[in-house]
Protein backbone atom coordinates (compact mmCIF):
# COMPACT_ATOMS: atom_id res chain seq x y z
CA MET A 1 -229.32 68.53 -61.98
CA SER A 2 -226.66 72.04 -63.30
CA MET A 3 -227.60 73.29 -66.55
CA GLY A 4 -225.59 71.56 -69.47
CA ALA A 5 -225.32 67.98 -66.82
CA TYR A 6 -225.22 64.94 -69.46
CA ASP A 7 -228.52 62.34 -68.00
CA GLU A 8 -227.65 59.37 -69.85
CA ALA A 9 -231.20 58.03 -69.51
CA GLU A 10 -232.65 61.07 -71.39
CA HIS A 11 -229.76 60.17 -74.05
CA GLU A 12 -230.82 56.56 -74.22
CA ARG A 13 -234.50 57.78 -74.13
CA ARG A 14 -234.22 59.42 -77.10
CA GLU A 15 -231.13 57.30 -79.07
CA ARG A 16 -234.28 55.00 -78.34
CA LYS A 17 -236.97 56.89 -79.53
CA ASN A 18 -234.84 58.21 -83.00
CA SER A 19 -234.38 55.21 -83.72
CA GLU A 20 -237.80 53.71 -84.09
CA VAL A 21 -238.70 54.09 -87.32
CA ASP A 22 -243.26 53.92 -88.08
CA ALA A 23 -243.88 52.31 -91.07
CA SER A 24 -247.66 51.87 -90.03
CA PHE A 25 -248.83 55.46 -91.99
CA ASP A 26 -249.22 55.32 -95.96
CA ASP A 27 -246.62 56.54 -97.86
CA ASP A 28 -249.29 57.29 -100.89
CA ARG A 29 -249.19 60.24 -102.98
CA THR A 30 -252.15 62.71 -103.15
CA ASP A 31 -253.70 63.74 -106.44
CA TYR A 32 -254.54 67.33 -106.86
CA GLU A 33 -256.76 68.87 -109.51
CA GLY A 34 -257.10 71.97 -110.20
CA ASP A 35 -256.19 75.42 -112.59
CA ILE A 36 -253.42 77.77 -111.75
CA GLN A 37 -253.55 80.98 -113.15
CA TYR A 38 -251.31 83.68 -113.72
CA GLU A 39 -251.14 87.01 -115.09
CA GLY A 40 -247.98 87.15 -117.69
CA GLY A 41 -248.82 90.19 -119.43
CA ASP A 42 -246.30 93.00 -118.39
CA SER A 43 -243.37 93.19 -119.99
CA THR A 44 -240.03 92.95 -118.56
CA GLU A 45 -239.47 96.58 -118.02
CA GLN A 46 -242.55 97.26 -116.12
CA LEU A 47 -241.80 94.72 -113.78
CA LEU A 48 -238.04 96.27 -113.37
CA GLU A 49 -240.16 99.81 -113.09
CA GLN A 50 -242.93 98.41 -110.12
CA PHE A 51 -239.60 96.88 -107.77
CA GLN A 52 -237.65 100.07 -108.16
CA GLU A 53 -240.35 101.71 -106.92
CA ILE A 54 -241.17 99.32 -103.69
CA GLN A 55 -237.44 99.74 -103.24
CA SER A 56 -237.44 102.62 -102.98
CA ASN A 57 -240.21 103.14 -100.37
């Protein structure tokens, strides 16, 4: 079979595979517990200066 040739059996196999729905897995949401920390002390001007410095390198 050449590249790009139509393979009807393969097409039907993929259609069957794609039409099956696997609902056996749990659809429960995972609850995560923890803390998020971030540093927000820089002013807008300082952040813009840092950004411009990074871009100039």
